[in-house]
Amino acid sequence: AASGSPLNSYTVAWFRQGPGKGREGISCV
């Protein structure tokens, strides 16, 4: 959920970081 600014001018992504791992980009829109 975004606040403070409309999200419609942004590209958005999900990243994840598992135990002992680096941050991984998994999906974007």
mmCIF file of all heavy atoms, coordinates in Angstrom:
data_MODEL
# 
_entry.id   MODEL 
# 
loop_
_atom_site.group_PDB 
_atom_site.id 
_atom_site.type_symbol 
_atom_site.label_atom_id 
_atom_site.label_alt_id 
_atom_site.label_comp_id 
_atom_site.label_asym_id 
_atom_site.label_entity_id 
_atom_site.label_seq_id 
_atom_site.pdbx_PDB_ins_code 
_atom_site.Cartn_x 
_atom_site.Cartn_y 
_atom_site.Cartn_z 
_atom_site.occupancy 
_atom_site.B_iso_or_equiv 
_atom_site.pdbx_formal_charge 
_atom_site.auth_seq_id 
_atom_site.auth_comp_id 
_atom_site.auth_asym_id 
_atom_site.auth_atom_id 
_atom_site.pdbx_PDB_model_num 
ATOM 1   N N   . ALA A 1 1  ? 0.831  -1.186  0.000   1.00 0.00 ? 1  ALA A N   1 
ATOM 2   C CA  . ALA A 1 1  ? 0.000  0.000   0.000   1.00 0.00 ? 1  ALA A CA  1 
ATOM 3   C C   . ALA A 1 1  ? 0.875  1.249   0.000   1.00 0.00 ? 1  ALA A C   1 
ATOM 4   O O   . ALA A 1 1  ? 1.784  1.379   0.830   1.00 0.00 ? 1  ALA A O   1 
ATOM 5   C CB  . ALA A 1 1  ? -0.917 0.002   1.217   1.00 0.00 ? 1  ALA A CB  1 
ATOM 6   N N   . ALA A 1 2  ? 0.587  2.147   -0.928  1.00 0.00 ? 2  ALA A N   1 
ATOM 7   C CA  . ALA A 1 2  ? 1.361  3.376   -1.046  1.00 0.00 ? 2  ALA A CA  1 
ATOM 8   C C   . ALA A 1 2  ? 0.584  4.558   -0.483  1.00 0.00 ? 2  ALA A C   1 
ATOM 9   O O   . ALA A 1 2  ? -0.646 4.603   -0.569  1.00 0.00 ? 2  ALA A O   1 
ATOM 10  C CB  . ALA A 1 2  ? 1.704  3.641   -2.506  1.00 0.00 ? 2  ALA A CB  1 
ATOM 11  N N   . SER A 1 3  ? 1.318  5.501   0.060   1.00 0.00 ? 3  SER A N   1 
ATOM 12  C CA  . SER A 1 3  ? 0.715  6.741   0.536   1.00 0.00 ? 3  SER A CA  1 
ATOM 13  C C   . SER A 1 3  ? 1.688  7.880   0.282   1.00 0.00 ? 3  SER A C   1 
ATOM 14  O O   . SER A 1 3  ? 2.870  7.658   0.033   1.00 0.00 ? 3  SER A O   1 
ATOM 15  C CB  . SER A 1 3  ? 0.379  6.646   2.026   1.00 0.00 ? 3  SER A CB  1 
ATOM 16  O OG  . SER A 1 3  ? 1.562  6.450   2.790   1.00 0.00 ? 3  SER A OG  1 
ATOM 17  N N   . GLY A 1 4  ? 1.158  9.090   0.325   1.00 0.00 ? 4  GLY A N   1 
ATOM 18  C CA  . GLY A 1 4  ? 2.003  10.263  0.157   1.00 0.00 ? 4  GLY A CA  1 
ATOM 19  C C   . GLY A 1 4  ? 2.141  10.728  -1.272  1.00 0.00 ? 4  GLY A C   1 
ATOM 20  O O   . GLY A 1 4  ? 2.526  11.868  -1.523  1.00 0.00 ? 4  GLY A O   1 
ATOM 21  N N   . SER A 1 5  ? 1.837  9.853   -2.223  1.00 0.00 ? 5  SER A N   1 
ATOM 22  C CA  . SER A 1 5  ? 1.969  10.207  -3.628  1.00 0.00 ? 5  SER A CA  1 
ATOM 23  C C   . SER A 1 5  ? 1.231  9.158   -4.449  1.00 0.00 ? 5  SER A C   1 
ATOM 24  O O   . SER A 1 5  ? 1.204  7.988   -4.063  1.00 0.00 ? 5  SER A O   1 
ATOM 25  C CB  . SER A 1 5  ? 3.445  10.221  -4.028  1.00 0.00 ? 5  SER A CB  1 
ATOM 26  O OG  . SER A 1 5  ? 3.599  10.579  -5.383  1.00 0.00 ? 5  SER A OG  1 
ATOM 27  N N   . PRO A 1 6  ? 0.640  9.547   -5.566  1.00 0.00 ? 6  PRO A N   1 
ATOM 28  C CA  . PRO A 1 6  ? -0.024 8.545   -6.412  1.00 0.00 ? 6  PRO A CA  1 
ATOM 29  C C   . PRO A 1 6  ? 0.980  7.553   -6.950  1.00 0.00 ? 6  PRO A C   1 
ATOM 30  O O   . PRO A 1 6  ? 2.087  7.922   -7.353  1.00 0.00 ? 6  PRO A O   1 
ATOM 31  C CB  . PRO A 1 6  ? -0.634 9.386   -7.540  1.00 0.00 ? 6  PRO A CB  1 
ATOM 32  C CG  . PRO A 1 6  ? -0.702 10.769  -6.997  1.00 0.00 ? 6  PRO A CG  1 
ATOM 33  C CD  . PRO A 1 6  ? 0.457  10.911  -6.078  1.00 0.00 ? 6  PRO A CD  1 
ATOM 34  N N   . LEU A 1 7  ? 0.583  6.302   -6.958  1.00 0.00 ? 7  LEU A N   1 
ATOM 35  C CA  . LEU A 1 7  ? 1.484  5.238   -7.405  1.00 0.00 ? 7  LEU A CA  1 
ATOM 36  C C   . LEU A 1 7  ? 1.515  5.113   -8.929  1.00 0.00 ? 7  LEU A C   1 
ATOM 37  O O   . LEU A 1 7  ? 2.391  4.447   -9.477  1.00 0.00 ? 7  LEU A O   1 
ATOM 38  C CB  . LEU A 1 7  ? 1.021  3.923   -6.777  1.00 0.00 ? 7  LEU A CB  1 
ATOM 39  C CG  . LEU A 1 7  ? 1.997  2.756   -6.698  1.00 0.00 ? 7  LEU A CG  1 
ATOM 40  C CD1 . LEU A 1 7  ? 3.257  3.139   -5.955  1.00 0.00 ? 7  LEU A CD1 1 
ATOM 41  C CD2 . LEU A 1 7  ? 1.321  1.569   -6.052  1.00 0.00 ? 7  LEU A CD2 1 
ATOM 42  N N   . ASN A 1 8  ? 0.586  5.786   -9.604  1.00 0.00 ? 8  ASN A N   1 
ATOM 43  C CA  . ASN A 1 8  ? 0.404  5.506   -11.029 1.00 0.00 ? 8  ASN A CA  1 
ATOM 44  C C   . ASN A 1 8  ? 1.528  6.020   -11.925 1.00 0.00 ? 8  ASN A C   1 
ATOM 45  O O   . ASN A 1 8  ? 1.528  5.730   -13.123 1.00 0.00 ? 8  ASN A O   1 
ATOM 46  C CB  . ASN A 1 8  ? -0.945 6.038   -11.512 1.00 0.00 ? 8  ASN A CB  1 
ATOM 47  C CG  . ASN A 1 8  ? -1.113 7.523   -11.271 1.00 0.00 ? 8  ASN A CG  1 
ATOM 48  O OD1 . ASN A 1 8  ? -0.158 8.219   -10.917 1.00 0.00 ? 8  ASN A OD1 1 
ATOM 49  N ND2 . ASN A 1 8  ? -2.326 8.018   -11.428 1.00 0.00 ? 8  ASN A ND2 1 
ATOM 50  N N   . SER A 1 9  ? 2.482  6.754   -11.376 1.00 0.00 ? 9  SER A N   1 
ATOM 51  C CA  . SER A 1 9  ? 3.630  7.159   -12.193 1.00 0.00 ? 9  SER A CA  1 
ATOM 52  C C   . SER A 1 9  ? 4.898  6.388   -11.843 1.00 0.00 ? 9  SER A C   1 
ATOM 53  O O   . SER A 1 9  ? 5.989  6.740   -12.305 1.00 0.00 ? 9  SER A O   1 
ATOM 54  C CB  . SER A 1 9  ? 3.887  8.662   -12.028 1.00 0.00 ? 9  SER A CB  1 
ATOM 55  O OG  . SER A 1 9  ? 4.210  8.964   -10.683 1.00 0.00 ? 9  SER A OG  1 
ATOM 56  N N   . TYR A 1 10 ? 4.743  5.331   -11.068 1.00 0.00 ? 10 TYR A N   1 
ATOM 57  C CA  . TYR A 1 10 ? 5.886  4.544   -10.624 1.00 0.00 ? 10 TYR A CA  1 
ATOM 58  C C   . TYR A 1 10 ? 5.858  3.130   -11.186 1.00 0.00 ? 10 TYR A C   1 
ATOM 59  O O   . TYR A 1 10 ? 4.796  2.513   -11.329 1.00 0.00 ? 10 TYR A O   1 
ATOM 60  C CB  . TYR A 1 10 ? 5.896  4.429   -9.094  1.00 0.00 ? 10 TYR A CB  1 
ATOM 61  C CG  . TYR A 1 10 ? 6.209  5.710   -8.368  1.00 0.00 ? 10 TYR A CG  1 
ATOM 62  C CD1 . TYR A 1 10 ? 5.213  6.636   -8.091  1.00 0.00 ? 10 TYR A CD1 1 
ATOM 63  C CD2 . TYR A 1 10 ? 7.498  5.991   -7.952  1.00 0.00 ? 10 TYR A CD2 1 
ATOM 64  C CE1 . TYR A 1 10 ? 5.499  7.814   -7.419  1.00 0.00 ? 10 TYR A CE1 1 
ATOM 65  C CE2 . TYR A 1 10 ? 7.801  7.156   -7.262  1.00 0.00 ? 10 TYR A CE2 1 
ATOM 66  C CZ  . TYR A 1 10 ? 6.792  8.061   -7.004  1.00 0.00 ? 10 TYR A CZ  1 
ATOM 67  O OH  . TYR A 1 10 ? 7.080  9.222   -6.332  1.00 0.00 ? 10 TYR A OH  1 
ATOM 68  N N   . THR A 1 11 ? 7.031  2.619   -11.453 1.00 0.00 ? 11 THR A N   1 
ATOM 69  C CA  . THR A 1 11 ? 7.211  1.189   -11.642 1.00 0.00 ? 11 THR A CA  1 
ATOM 70  C C   . THR A 1 11 ? 7.364  0.582   -10.247 1.00 0.00 ? 11 THR A C   1 
ATOM 71  O O   . THR A 1 11 ? 8.024  1.157   -9.378  1.00 0.00 ? 11 THR A O   1 
ATOM 72  C CB  . THR A 1 11 ? 8.465  0.913   -12.476 1.00 0.00 ? 11 THR A CB  1 
ATOM 73  O OG1 . THR A 1 11 ? 8.280  1.468   -13.784 1.00 0.00 ? 11 THR A OG1 1 
ATOM 74  C CG2 . THR A 1 11 ? 8.705  -0.577  -12.598 1.00 0.00 ? 11 THR A CG2 1 
ATOM 75  N N   . VAL A 1 12 ? 6.755  -0.581  -10.038 1.00 0.00 ? 12 VAL A N   1 
ATOM 76  C CA  . VAL A 1 12 ? 6.764  -1.201  -8.717  1.00 0.00 ? 12 VAL A CA  1 
ATOM 77  C C   . VAL A 1 12 ? 7.286  -2.633  -8.824  1.00 0.00 ? 12 VAL A C   1 
ATOM 78  O O   . VAL A 1 12 ? 6.982  -3.339  -9.789  1.00 0.00 ? 12 VAL A O   1 
ATOM 79  C CB  . VAL A 1 12 ? 5.358  -1.200  -8.093  1.00 0.00 ? 12 VAL A CB  1 
ATOM 80  C CG1 . VAL A 1 12 ? 5.399  -1.784  -6.679  1.00 0.00 ? 12 VAL A CG1 1 
ATOM 81  C CG2 . VAL A 1 12 ? 4.796  0.224   -8.050  1.00 0.00 ? 12 VAL A CG2 1 
ATOM 82  N N   . ALA A 1 13 ? 8.040  -3.026  -7.845  1.00 0.00 ? 13 ALA A N   1 
ATOM 83  C CA  . ALA A 1 13 ? 8.626  -4.369  -7.846  1.00 0.00 ? 13 ALA A CA  1 
ATOM 84  C C   . ALA A 1 13 ? 8.548  -4.996  -6.467  1.00 0.00 ? 13 ALA A C   1 
ATOM 85  O O   . ALA A 1 13 ? 8.402  -4.308  -5.459  1.00 0.00 ? 13 ALA A O   1 
ATOM 86  C CB  . ALA A 1 13 ? 10.080 -4.299  -8.297  1.00 0.00 ? 13 ALA A CB  1 
ATOM 87  N N   . TRP A 1 14 ? 8.660  -6.307  -6.476  1.00 0.00 ? 14 TRP A N   1 
ATOM 88  C CA  . TRP A 1 14 ? 8.808  -7.069  -5.237  1.00 0.00 ? 14 TRP A CA  1 
ATOM 89  C C   . TRP A 1 14 ? 10.201 -7.691  -5.232  1.00 0.00 ? 14 TRP A C   1 
ATOM 90  O O   . TRP A 1 14 ? 10.623 -8.292  -6.231  1.00 0.00 ? 14 TRP A O   1 
ATOM 91  C CB  . TRP A 1 14 ? 7.758  -8.162  -5.131  1.00 0.00 ? 14 TRP A CB  1 
ATOM 92  C CG  . TRP A 1 14 ? 6.387  -7.666  -4.813  1.00 0.00 ? 14 TRP A CG  1 
ATOM 93  C CD1 . TRP A 1 14 ? 5.398  -7.371  -5.697  1.00 0.00 ? 14 TRP A CD1 1 
ATOM 94  C CD2 . TRP A 1 14 ? 5.851  -7.411  -3.507  1.00 0.00 ? 14 TRP A CD2 1 
ATOM 95  N NE1 . TRP A 1 14 ? 4.275  -6.947  -5.028  1.00 0.00 ? 14 TRP A NE1 1 
ATOM 96  C CE2 . TRP A 1 14 ? 4.527  -6.962  -3.679  1.00 0.00 ? 14 TRP A CE2 1 
ATOM 97  C CE3 . TRP A 1 14 ? 6.359  -7.539  -2.211  1.00 0.00 ? 14 TRP A CE3 1 
ATOM 98  C CZ2 . TRP A 1 14 ? 3.700  -6.627  -2.599  1.00 0.00 ? 14 TRP A CZ2 1 
ATOM 99  C CZ3 . TRP A 1 14 ? 5.547  -7.204  -1.149  1.00 0.00 ? 14 TRP A CZ3 1 
ATOM 100 C CH2 . TRP A 1 14 ? 4.233  -6.749  -1.341  1.00 0.00 ? 14 TRP A CH2 1 
ATOM 101 N N   . PHE A 1 15 ? 10.855 -7.552  -4.101  1.00 0.00 ? 15 PHE A N   1 
ATOM 102 C CA  . PHE A 1 15 ? 12.132 -8.192  -3.853  1.00 0.00 ? 15 PHE A CA  1 
ATOM 103 C C   . PHE A 1 15 ? 11.986 -9.072  -2.615  1.00 0.00 ? 15 PHE A C   1 
ATOM 104 O O   . PHE A 1 15 ? 11.059 -8.891  -1.819  1.00 0.00 ? 15 PHE A O   1 
ATOM 105 C CB  . PHE A 1 15 ? 13.226 -7.143  -3.587  1.00 0.00 ? 15 PHE A CB  1 
ATOM 106 C CG  . PHE A 1 15 ? 13.621 -6.353  -4.806  1.00 0.00 ? 15 PHE A CG  1 
ATOM 107 C CD1 . PHE A 1 15 ? 12.831 -5.321  -5.283  1.00 0.00 ? 15 PHE A CD1 1 
ATOM 108 C CD2 . PHE A 1 15 ? 14.803 -6.636  -5.469  1.00 0.00 ? 15 PHE A CD2 1 
ATOM 109 C CE1 . PHE A 1 15 ? 13.194 -4.593  -6.412  1.00 0.00 ? 15 PHE A CE1 1 
ATOM 110 C CE2 . PHE A 1 15 ? 15.179 -5.911  -6.595  1.00 0.00 ? 15 PHE A CE2 1 
ATOM 111 C CZ  . PHE A 1 15 ? 14.368 -4.887  -7.060  1.00 0.00 ? 15 PHE A CZ  1 
ATOM 112 N N   . ARG A 1 16 ? 12.934 -9.970  -2.456  1.00 0.00 ? 16 ARG A N   1 
ATOM 113 C CA  . ARG A 1 16 ? 12.923 -10.775 -1.236  1.00 0.00 ? 16 ARG A CA  1 
ATOM 114 C C   . ARG A 1 16 ? 14.363 -11.083 -0.812  1.00 0.00 ? 16 ARG A C   1 
ATOM 115 O O   . ARG A 1 16 ? 15.278 -11.075 -1.639  1.00 0.00 ? 16 ARG A O   1 
ATOM 116 C CB  . ARG A 1 16 ? 12.151 -12.078 -1.426  1.00 0.00 ? 16 ARG A CB  1 
ATOM 117 C CG  . ARG A 1 16 ? 12.797 -13.074 -2.384  1.00 0.00 ? 16 ARG A CG  1 
ATOM 118 C CD  . ARG A 1 16 ? 11.900 -14.285 -2.569  1.00 0.00 ? 16 ARG A CD  1 
ATOM 119 N NE  . ARG A 1 16 ? 12.511 -15.275 -3.446  1.00 0.00 ? 16 ARG A NE  1 
ATOM 120 C CZ  . ARG A 1 16 ? 11.886 -16.374 -3.856  1.00 0.00 ? 16 ARG A CZ  1 
ATOM 121 N NH1 . ARG A 1 16 ? 10.627 -16.621 -3.476  1.00 0.00 ? 16 ARG A NH1 1 
ATOM 122 N NH2 . ARG A 1 16 ? 12.520 -17.235 -4.649  1.00 0.00 ? 16 ARG A NH2 1 
ATOM 123 N N   . GLN A 1 17 ? 14.501 -11.325 0.466   1.00 0.00 ? 17 GLN A N   1 
ATOM 124 C CA  . GLN A 1 17 ? 15.804 -11.693 0.998   1.00 0.00 ? 17 GLN A CA  1 
ATOM 125 C C   . GLN A 1 17 ? 15.620 -12.833 1.974   1.00 0.00 ? 17 GLN A C   1 
ATOM 126 O O   . GLN A 1 17 ? 15.037 -12.658 3.050   1.00 0.00 ? 17 GLN A O   1 
ATOM 127 C CB  . GLN A 1 17 ? 16.481 -10.505 1.674   1.00 0.00 ? 17 GLN A CB  1 
ATOM 128 C CG  . GLN A 1 17 ? 17.910 -10.790 2.088   1.00 0.00 ? 17 GLN A CG  1 
ATOM 129 C CD  . GLN A 1 17 ? 18.684 -9.532  2.385   1.00 0.00 ? 17 GLN A CD  1 
ATOM 130 O OE1 . GLN A 1 17 ? 18.131 -8.433  2.510   1.00 0.00 ? 17 GLN A OE1 1 
ATOM 131 N NE2 . GLN A 1 17 ? 19.999 -9.650  2.477   1.00 0.00 ? 17 GLN A NE2 1 
ATOM 132 N N   . GLY A 1 18 ? 16.096 -14.002 1.576   1.00 0.00 ? 18 GLY A N   1 
ATOM 133 C CA  . GLY A 1 18 ? 16.004 -15.178 2.413   1.00 0.00 ? 18 GLY A CA  1 
ATOM 134 C C   . GLY A 1 18 ? 17.150 -15.258 3.397   1.00 0.00 ? 18 GLY A C   1 
ATOM 135 O O   . GLY A 1 18 ? 18.130 -14.514 3.294   1.00 0.00 ? 18 GLY A O   1 
ATOM 136 N N   . PRO A 1 19 ? 17.090 -16.163 4.352   1.00 0.00 ? 19 PRO A N   1 
ATOM 137 C CA  . PRO A 1 19 ? 18.144 -16.314 5.364   1.00 0.00 ? 19 PRO A CA  1 
ATOM 138 C C   . PRO A 1 19 ? 19.496 -16.575 4.714   1.00 0.00 ? 19 PRO A C   1 
ATOM 139 O O   . PRO A 1 19 ? 19.646 -17.529 3.931   1.00 0.00 ? 19 PRO A O   1 
ATOM 140 C CB  . PRO A 1 19 ? 17.672 -17.515 6.180   1.00 0.00 ? 19 PRO A CB  1 
ATOM 141 C CG  . PRO A 1 19 ? 16.220 -17.637 5.921   1.00 0.00 ? 19 PRO A CG  1 
ATOM 142 C CD  . PRO A 1 19 ? 16.005 -17.132 4.532   1.00 0.00 ? 19 PRO A CD  1 
ATOM 143 N N   . GLY A 1 20 ? 20.458 -15.735 5.010   1.00 0.00 ? 20 GLY A N   1 
ATOM 144 C CA  . GLY A 1 20 ? 21.802 -15.927 4.481   1.00 0.00 ? 20 GLY A CA  1 
ATOM 145 C C   . GLY A 1 20 ? 21.951 -15.658 3.006   1.00 0.00 ? 20 GLY A C   1 
ATOM 146 O O   . GLY A 1 20 ? 22.966 -16.015 2.403   1.00 0.00 ? 20 GLY A O   1 
ATOM 147 N N   . LYS A 1 21 ? 20.958 -15.020 2.401   1.00 0.00 ? 21 LYS A N   1 
ATOM 148 C CA  . LYS A 1 21 ? 21.002 -14.761 0.954   1.00 0.00 ? 21 LYS A CA  1 
ATOM 149 C C   . LYS A 1 21 ? 20.968 -13.267 0.681   1.00 0.00 ? 21 LYS A C   1 
ATOM 150 O O   . LYS A 1 21 ? 20.596 -12.468 1.534   1.00 0.00 ? 21 LYS A O   1 
ATOM 151 C CB  . LYS A 1 21 ? 19.813 -15.430 0.271   1.00 0.00 ? 21 LYS A CB  1 
ATOM 152 C CG  . LYS A 1 21 ? 19.761 -16.936 0.420   1.00 0.00 ? 21 LYS A CG  1 
ATOM 153 C CD  . LYS A 1 21 ? 18.554 -17.503 -0.309  1.00 0.00 ? 21 LYS A CD  1 
ATOM 154 C CE  . LYS A 1 21 ? 18.448 -19.001 -0.144  1.00 0.00 ? 21 LYS A CE  1 
ATOM 155 N NZ  . LYS A 1 21 ? 17.250 -19.554 -0.825  1.00 0.00 ? 21 LYS A NZ  1 
ATOM 156 N N   . GLY A 1 22 ? 21.340 -12.915 -0.529  1.00 0.00 ? 22 GLY A N   1 
ATOM 157 C CA  . GLY A 1 22 ? 21.232 -11.531 -0.955  1.00 0.00 ? 22 GLY A CA  1 
ATOM 158 C C   . GLY A 1 22 ? 19.817 -11.203 -1.370  1.00 0.00 ? 22 GLY A C   1 
ATOM 159 O O   . GLY A 1 22 ? 18.941 -12.062 -1.453  1.00 0.00 ? 22 GLY A O   1 
ATOM 160 N N   . ARG A 1 23 ? 19.570 -9.919  -1.595  1.00 0.00 ? 23 ARG A N   1 
ATOM 161 C CA  . ARG A 1 23 ? 18.228 -9.493  -2.003  1.00 0.00 ? 23 ARG A CA  1 
ATOM 162 C C   . ARG A 1 23 ? 18.009 -9.845  -3.471  1.00 0.00 ? 23 ARG A C   1 
ATOM 163 O O   . ARG A 1 23 ? 18.842 -9.544  -4.325  1.00 0.00 ? 23 ARG A O   1 
ATOM 164 C CB  . ARG A 1 23 ? 18.070 -8.001  -1.769  1.00 0.00 ? 23 ARG A CB  1 
ATOM 165 C CG  . ARG A 1 23 ? 16.653 -7.506  -1.925  1.00 0.00 ? 23 ARG A CG  1 
ATOM 166 C CD  . ARG A 1 23 ? 16.520 -6.059  -1.498  1.00 0.00 ? 23 ARG A CD  1 
ATOM 167 N NE  . ARG A 1 23 ? 16.754 -5.893  -0.063  1.00 0.00 ? 23 ARG A NE  1 
ATOM 168 C CZ  . ARG A 1 23 ? 16.590 -4.736  0.569   1.00 0.00 ? 23 ARG A CZ  1 
ATOM 169 N NH1 . ARG A 1 23 ? 16.203 -3.667  -0.094  1.00 0.00 ? 23 ARG A NH1 1 
ATOM 170 N NH2 . ARG A 1 23 ? 16.819 -4.660  1.857   1.00 0.00 ? 23 ARG A NH2 1 
ATOM 171 N N   . GLU A 1 24 ? 16.872 -10.453 -3.744  1.00 0.00 ? 24 GLU A N   1 
ATOM 172 C CA  . GLU A 1 24 ? 16.541 -10.953 -5.079  1.00 0.00 ? 24 GLU A CA  1 
ATOM 173 C C   . GLU A 1 24 ? 15.304 -10.254 -5.602  1.00 0.00 ? 24 GLU A C   1 
ATOM 174 O O   . GLU A 1 24 ? 14.273 -10.216 -4.929  1.00 0.00 ? 24 GLU A O   1 
ATOM 175 C CB  . GLU A 1 24 ? 16.284 -12.467 -4.995  1.00 0.00 ? 24 GLU A CB  1 
ATOM 176 C CG  . GLU A 1 24 ? 15.765 -13.100 -6.273  1.00 0.00 ? 24 GLU A CG  1 
ATOM 177 C CD  . GLU A 1 24 ? 15.267 -14.529 -6.067  1.00 0.00 ? 24 GLU A CD  1 
ATOM 178 O OE1 . GLU A 1 24 ? 14.992 -14.914 -4.913  1.00 0.00 ? 24 GLU A OE1 1 
ATOM 179 O OE2 . GLU A 1 24 ? 15.157 -15.246 -7.074  1.00 0.00 ? 24 GLU A OE2 1 
ATOM 180 N N   . GLY A 1 25 ? 15.383 -9.728  -6.793  1.00 0.00 ? 25 GLY A N   1 
ATOM 181 C CA  . GLY A 1 25 ? 14.211 -9.173  -7.449  1.00 0.00 ? 25 GLY A CA  1 
ATOM 182 C C   . GLY A 1 25 ? 13.377 -10.292 -8.019  1.00 0.00 ? 25 GLY A C   1 
ATOM 183 O O   . GLY A 1 25 ? 13.894 -11.122 -8.769  1.00 0.00 ? 25 GLY A O   1 
ATOM 184 N N   . ILE A 1 26 ? 12.096 -10.360 -7.682  1.00 0.00 ? 26 ILE A N   1 
ATOM 185 C CA  . ILE A 1 26 ? 11.286 -11.490 -8.123  1.00 0.00 ? 26 ILE A CA  1 
ATOM 186 C C   . ILE A 1 26 ? 10.174 -11.106 -9.081  1.00 0.00 ? 26 ILE A C   1 
ATOM 187 O O   . ILE A 1 26 ? 9.744  -11.939 -9.891  1.00 0.00 ? 26 ILE A O   1 
ATOM 188 C CB  . ILE A 1 26 ? 10.705 -12.274 -6.928  1.00 0.00 ? 26 ILE A CB  1 
ATOM 189 C CG1 . ILE A 1 26 ? 9.886  -11.359 -6.015  1.00 0.00 ? 26 ILE A CG1 1 
ATOM 190 C CG2 . ILE A 1 26 ? 11.811 -12.972 -6.158  1.00 0.00 ? 26 ILE A CG2 1 
ATOM 191 C CD1 . ILE A 1 26 ? 9.123  -12.112 -4.940  1.00 0.00 ? 26 ILE A CD1 1 
ATOM 192 N N   . SER A 1 27 ? 9.698  -9.889  -9.013  1.00 0.00 ? 27 SER A N   1 
ATOM 193 C CA  . SER A 1 27 ? 8.651  -9.501  -9.937  1.00 0.00 ? 27 SER A CA  1 
ATOM 194 C C   . SER A 1 27 ? 8.521  -7.988  -9.985  1.00 0.00 ? 27 SER A C   1 
ATOM 195 O O   . SER A 1 27 ? 8.794  -7.310  -8.998  1.00 0.00 ? 27 SER A O   1 
ATOM 196 C CB  . SER A 1 27 ? 7.307  -10.108 -9.533  1.00 0.00 ? 27 SER A CB  1 
ATOM 197 O OG  . SER A 1 27 ? 6.329  -9.840  -10.511 1.00 0.00 ? 27 SER A OG  1 
ATOM 198 N N   . CYS A 1 28 ? 8.127  -7.484  -11.145 1.00 0.00 ? 28 CYS A N   1 
ATOM 199 C CA  . CYS A 1 28 ? 7.884  -6.047  -11.272 1.00 0.00 ? 28 CYS A CA  1 
ATOM 200 C C   . CYS A 1 28 ? 6.733  -5.819  -12.234 1.00 0.00 ? 28 CYS A C   1 
ATOM 201 O O   . CYS A 1 28 ? 6.398  -6.690  -13.046 1.00 0.00 ? 28 CYS A O   1 
ATOM 202 C CB  . CYS A 1 28 ? 9.130  -5.294  -11.724 1.00 0.00 ? 28 CYS A CB  1 
ATOM 203 S SG  . CYS A 1 28 ? 9.776  -5.780  -13.325 1.00 0.00 ? 28 CYS A SG  1 
ATOM 204 N N   . VAL A 1 29 ? 6.147  -4.637  -12.120 1.00 0.00 ? 29 VAL A N   1 
ATOM 205 C CA  . VAL A 1 29 ? 5.040  -4.271  -12.990 1.00 0.00 ? 29 VAL A CA  1 
ATOM 206 C C   . VAL A 1 29 ? 5.248  -2.830  -13.450 1.00 0.00 ? 29 VAL A C   1 
ATOM 207 O O   . VAL A 1 29 ? 5.585  -1.947  -12.656 1.00 0.00 ? 29 VAL A O   1 
ATOM 208 C CB  . VAL A 1 29 ? 3.684  -4.468  -12.278 1.00 0.00 ? 29 VAL A CB  1 
ATOM 209 C CG1 . VAL A 1 29 ? 3.569  -3.632  -11.020 1.00 0.00 ? 29 VAL A CG1 1 
ATOM 210 C CG2 . VAL A 1 29 ? 2.522  -4.187  -13.225 1.00 0.00 ? 29 VAL A CG2 1 
# 
